[in-house]
Amino acid sequence: MRLLTHNFLASNVKGVSTGYPLALEVAKSSIKEVELNADFLRGILPKLDWRALVAATSAAGFPELLAVEQPPEAELFAEGAAEAEGSAIRRLHHALLEIHVEEGTLVCPESGRSFPILKGVPNMLLHEDEVRH
C-alpha cells in the first residue's frame, strides 16, 4: 500500500463519525522506485491531507522526510526542482509513491478498530455488526 492510498482511506464502522485519518502501524515496508511525474503531484496536492501524510511517513520510518508544514507550491514546482536531489517535490514523490507498506495495521482513530495490511493490500472489510444499515 502506498502512502498515497493511506491518505484517502477512512473507517466506515457503524457509529463512527470521523474515521479519519487512520493511524498507521508498519511492520514491514519497502521502497519501489517510480518515475517522478510533476503534473500528477500538482493535481493530487490539493486533495492531500498534509498532516496525515507527515504522520504516515513518520510511522513508515521516515520521520524527517517531509516538513511539518506543507511547502508552498512555488517551492515544490520551481524550475529544476524535480531534478534536484533532496528537493521538496522529490521528497513528496518519495513519500507518496515509493514507500510501500507491505505488512501492518490501520487503526480507526475513533473506534480503535484495526484493519490489517497484508502483502501490501489493506483489508477494510467490515464485520456484519459493523455495517451501517
C-alpha atoms as a PDB file:
ATOM      1  CA  MET A   1       0.000   0.000   0.000  1.00  0.00           C
ATOM      2  CA  ARG A   2       1.393   3.354  -0.984  1.00  0.00           C
ATOM      3  CA  LEU A   3       1.119   6.235   1.456  1.00  0.00           C
ATOM      4  CA  LEU A   4      -0.945   7.964  -1.223  1.00  0.00           C
ATOM      5  CA  THR A   5      -3.589   5.272  -0.711  1.00  0.00           C
ATOM      6  CA  HIS A   6      -3.422   5.654   3.066  1.00  0.00           C
ATOM      7  CA  ASN A   7      -4.153   9.376   2.721  1.00  0.00           C
ATOM      8  CA  PHE A   8      -7.594   8.644   1.275  1.00  0.00           C
ATOM      9  CA  LEU A   9      -8.728   5.716   3.458  1.00  0.00           C
ATOM     10  CA  ALA A  10     -11.225   6.137   6.290  1.00  0.00           C
ATOM     11  CA  SER A  11     -13.085   3.831   8.664  1.00  0.00           C
ATOM     12  CA  ASN A  12     -16.767   3.282   7.877  1.00  0.00           C
ATOM     13  CA  VAL A  13     -17.580   1.308  11.020  1.00  0.00           C
ATOM     14  CA  LYS A  14     -21.142   1.860  12.246  1.00  0.00           C
ATOM     15  CA  GLY A  15     -21.275   4.632  14.857  1.00  0.00           C
ATOM     16  CA  VAL A  16     -18.036   6.271  13.709  1.00  0.00           C
ATOM     17  CA  SER A  17     -18.458   9.868  12.606  1.00  0.00           C
ATOM     18  CA  THR A  18     -14.819  10.776  11.880  1.00  0.00           C
ATOM     19  CA  GLY A  19     -12.859   7.672  10.977  1.00  0.00           C
ATOM     20  CA  TYR A  20     -10.013   9.710   9.503  1.00  0.00           C
ATOM     21  CA  PRO A  21      -7.068   9.753   9.442  1.00  0.00           C
ATOM     22  CA  LEU A  22      -6.366   6.135  10.180  1.00  0.00           C
ATOM     23  CA  ALA A  23      -3.322   5.551  12.366  1.00  0.00           C
ATOM     24  CA  LEU A  24      -0.672   3.550  10.544  1.00  0.00           C
ATOM     25  CA  GLU A  25       1.358   0.822  12.229  1.00  0.00           C
ATOM     26  CA  VAL A  26       4.067  -0.532   9.930  1.00  0.00           C
ATOM     27  CA  ALA A  27       5.550  -3.991  10.445  1.00  0.00           C
ATOM     28  CA  LYS A  28       7.264  -4.227   7.048  1.00  0.00           C
ATOM     29  CA  SER A  29       7.820  -1.707   4.282  1.00  0.00           C
ATOM     30  CA  SER A  30       9.749  -1.498   1.036  1.00  0.00           C
ATOM     31  CA  ILE A  31      10.913   1.110  -1.429  1.00  0.00           C
ATOM     32  CA  LYS A  32       9.831   0.770  -5.050  1.00  0.00           C
ATOM     33  CA  GLU A  33      11.269   3.463  -7.285  1.00  0.00           C
ATOM     34  CA  VAL A  34       8.966   5.056  -9.850  1.00  0.00           C
ATOM     35  CA  GLU A  35       9.485   7.944 -12.243  1.00  0.00           C
ATOM     36  CA  LEU A  36       8.570  11.349 -10.853  1.00  0.00           C
ATOM     37  CA  ASN A  37       5.537  12.932 -12.530  1.00  0.00           C
ATOM     38  CA  ALA A  38       5.284  16.594 -11.516  1.00  0.00           C
ATOM     39  CA  ASP A  39       1.909  17.042 -13.250  1.00  0.00           C
ATOM     40  CA  PHE A  40       0.423  14.188 -11.220  1.00  0.00           C
ATOM     41  CA  LEU A  41       1.809  15.646  -7.977  1.00  0.00           C
ATOM     42  CA  ARG A  42       0.478  19.106  -8.874  1.00  0.00           C
ATOM     43  CA  GLY A  43      -3.002  17.629  -9.429  1.00  0.00           C
ATOM     44  CA  ILE A  44      -3.095  15.464  -6.285  1.00  0.00           C
ATOM     45  CA  LEU A  45      -1.586  18.027  -3.886  1.00  0.00           C
ATOM     46  CA  PRO A  46      -4.844  19.952  -3.202  1.00  0.00           C
ATOM     47  CA  LYS A  47      -6.589  16.679  -2.314  1.00  0.00           C
ATOM     48  CA  LEU A  48      -3.986  15.553   0.239  1.00  0.00           C
ATOM     49  CA  ASP A  49      -4.202  15.854   3.991  1.00  0.00           C
ATOM     50  CA  TRP A  50      -0.633  17.026   4.615  1.00  0.00           C
ATOM     51  CA  ARG A  51      -0.639  16.315   8.365  1.00  0.00           C
ATOM     52  CA  ALA A  52      -1.894  12.759   7.769  1.00  0.00           C
ATOM     53  CA  LEU A  53       0.845  12.254   5.174  1.00  0.00           C
ATOM     54  CA  VAL A  54       3.539  13.520   7.548  1.00  0.00           C
ATOM     55  CA  ALA A  55       2.280  11.165  10.286  1.00  0.00           C
ATOM     56  CA  ALA A  56       2.169   8.199   7.891  1.00  0.00           C
ATOM     57  CA  THR A  57       5.649   8.955   6.590  1.00  0.00           C
ATOM     58  CA  SER A  58       6.942   9.034  10.142  1.00  0.00           C
ATOM     59  CA  ALA A  59       5.141   5.772  11.000  1.00  0.00           C
ATOM     60  CA  ALA A  60       6.779   4.176   7.964  1.00  0.00           C
ATOM     61  CA  GLY A  61      10.194   5.009   9.394  1.00  0.00           C
ATOM     62  CA  PHE A  62      10.946   8.299   7.637  1.00  0.00           C
ATOM     63  CA  PRO A  63      10.252  10.952  10.305  1.00  0.00           C
ATOM     64  CA  GLU A  64      12.482  13.611   8.710  1.00  0.00           C
ATOM     65  CA  LEU A  65      11.379  13.133   5.078  1.00  0.00           C
ATOM     66  CA  LEU A  66       8.629  15.780   4.983  1.00  0.00           C
ATOM     67  CA  ALA A  67       8.390  19.176   6.637  1.00  0.00           C
ATOM     68  CA  VAL A  68       5.654  19.534   9.255  1.00  0.00           C
ATOM     69  CA  GLU A  69       4.130  22.385   7.234  1.00  0.00           C
ATOM     70  CA  GLN A  70       3.357  21.889   3.562  1.00  0.00           C
ATOM     71  CA  PRO A  71       5.882  23.743   1.382  1.00  0.00           C
ATOM     72  CA  PRO A  72       4.478  26.442  -0.904  1.00  0.00           C
ATOM     73  CA  GLU A  73       3.671  25.312  -4.440  1.00  0.00           C
ATOM     74  CA  ALA A  74       6.250  27.777  -5.756  1.00  0.00           C
ATOM     75  CA  GLU A  75       8.946  25.808  -3.908  1.00  0.00           C
ATOM     76  CA  LEU A  76       7.591  22.387  -4.824  1.00  0.00           C
ATOM     77  CA  PHE A  77       7.227  23.109  -8.517  1.00  0.00           C
ATOM     78  CA  ALA A  78      10.117  25.548  -9.033  1.00  0.00           C
ATOM     79  CA  GLU A  79      12.099  25.293 -12.249  1.00  0.00           C
ATOM     80  CA  GLY A  80      14.547  22.385 -11.949  1.00  0.00           C
ATOM     81  CA  ALA A  81      13.185  21.170  -8.586  1.00  0.00           C
ATOM     82  CA  ALA A  82      12.222  17.758  -9.967  1.00  0.00           C
ATOM     83  CA  GLU A  83      15.834  17.125 -10.941  1.00  0.00           C
ATOM     84  CA  ALA A  84      17.374  18.438  -7.709  1.00  0.00           C
ATOM     85  CA  GLU A  85      18.274  15.685  -5.258  1.00  0.00           C
ATOM     86  CA  GLY A  86      16.580  16.259  -1.895  1.00  0.00           C
ATOM     87  CA  SER A  87      14.151  18.881  -3.217  1.00  0.00           C
ATOM     88  CA  ALA A  88      10.694  19.189  -1.658  1.00  0.00           C
ATOM     89  CA  ILE A  89       8.994  17.718  -4.743  1.00  0.00           C
ATOM     90  CA  ARG A  90      11.315  14.696  -4.775  1.00  0.00           C
ATOM     91  CA  ARG A  91      10.676  14.094  -1.057  1.00  0.00           C
ATOM     92  CA  LEU A  92       6.904  14.371  -1.636  1.00  0.00           C
ATOM     93  CA  HIS A  93       7.136  11.971  -4.579  1.00  0.00           C
ATOM     94  CA  HIS A  94       9.137   9.505  -2.471  1.00  0.00           C
ATOM     95  CA  ALA A  95       6.640   9.682   0.403  1.00  0.00           C
ATOM     96  CA  LEU A  96       3.517   9.294  -1.743  1.00  0.00           C
ATOM     97  CA  LEU A  97       4.602   6.847  -4.391  1.00  0.00           C
ATOM     98  CA  GLU A  98       7.789   4.994  -3.480  1.00  0.00           C
ATOM     99  CA  ILE A  99       7.279   3.980   0.159  1.00  0.00           C
ATOM    100  CA  HIS A 100       5.139   0.831   0.214  1.00  0.00           C
ATOM    101  CA  VAL A 101       3.682  -0.670   3.391  1.00  0.00           C
ATOM    102  CA  GLU A 102       3.819  -4.433   2.917  1.00  0.00           C
ATOM    103  CA  GLU A 103       2.603  -5.557   6.350  1.00  0.00           C
ATOM    104  CA  GLY A 104       0.971  -3.609   9.130  1.00  0.00           C
ATOM    105  CA  THR A 105      -2.271  -2.260  10.519  1.00  0.00           C
ATOM    106  CA  LEU A 106      -4.585   0.699  10.010  1.00  0.00           C
ATOM    107  CA  VAL A 107      -6.376   1.813  13.188  1.00  0.00           C
ATOM    108  CA  CYS A 108      -9.577   3.858  13.338  1.00  0.00           C
ATOM    109  CA  PRO A 109      -8.949   6.941  15.490  1.00  0.00           C
ATOM    110  CA  GLU A 110     -12.482   6.882  16.905  1.00  0.00           C
ATOM    111  CA  SER A 111     -13.355   3.215  17.449  1.00  0.00           C
ATOM    112  CA  GLY A 112      -9.892   1.670  17.699  1.00  0.00           C
ATOM    113  CA  ARG A 113     -10.912  -0.933  15.086  1.00  0.00           C
ATOM    114  CA  SER A 114      -7.850  -2.433  13.372  1.00  0.00           C
ATOM    115  CA  PHE A 115      -7.654  -3.211   9.680  1.00  0.00           C
ATOM    116  CA  PRO A 116      -4.767  -5.463   8.587  1.00  0.00           C
ATOM    117  CA  ILE A 117      -2.404  -4.751   5.715  1.00  0.00           C
ATOM    118  CA  LEU A 118      -1.142  -7.994   4.186  1.00  0.00           C
ATOM    119  CA  LYS A 119       1.069  -8.257   1.104  1.00  0.00           C
ATOM    120  CA  GLY A 120       0.578  -4.530   0.558  1.00  0.00           C
ATOM    121  CA  VAL A 121      -3.223  -4.708   0.498  1.00  0.00           C
ATOM    122  CA  PRO A 122      -5.329  -3.071   3.241  1.00  0.00           C
ATOM    123  CA  ASN A 123      -8.354  -5.162   4.230  1.00  0.00           C
ATOM    124  CA  MET A 124     -11.103  -2.665   5.048  1.00  0.00           C
ATOM    125  CA  LEU A 125     -13.939  -5.207   5.037  1.00  0.00           C
ATOM    126  CA  LEU A 126     -16.351  -4.798   7.927  1.00  0.00           C
ATOM    127  CA  HIS A 127     -17.937  -7.473  10.082  1.00  0.00           C
ATOM    128  CA  GLU A 128     -21.719  -7.743   9.735  1.00  0.00           C
ATOM    129  CA  ASP A 129     -22.346  -5.979  13.067  1.00  0.00           C
ATOM    130  CA  GLU A 130     -20.151  -3.025  11.971  1.00  0.00           C
ATOM    131  CA  VAL A 131     -22.074  -2.235   8.781  1.00  0.00           C
ATOM    132  CA  ARG A 132     -24.340   0.812   8.658  1.00  0.00           C
ATOM    133  CA  HIS A 133     -27.828  -0.109   7.501  1.00  0.00           C
END
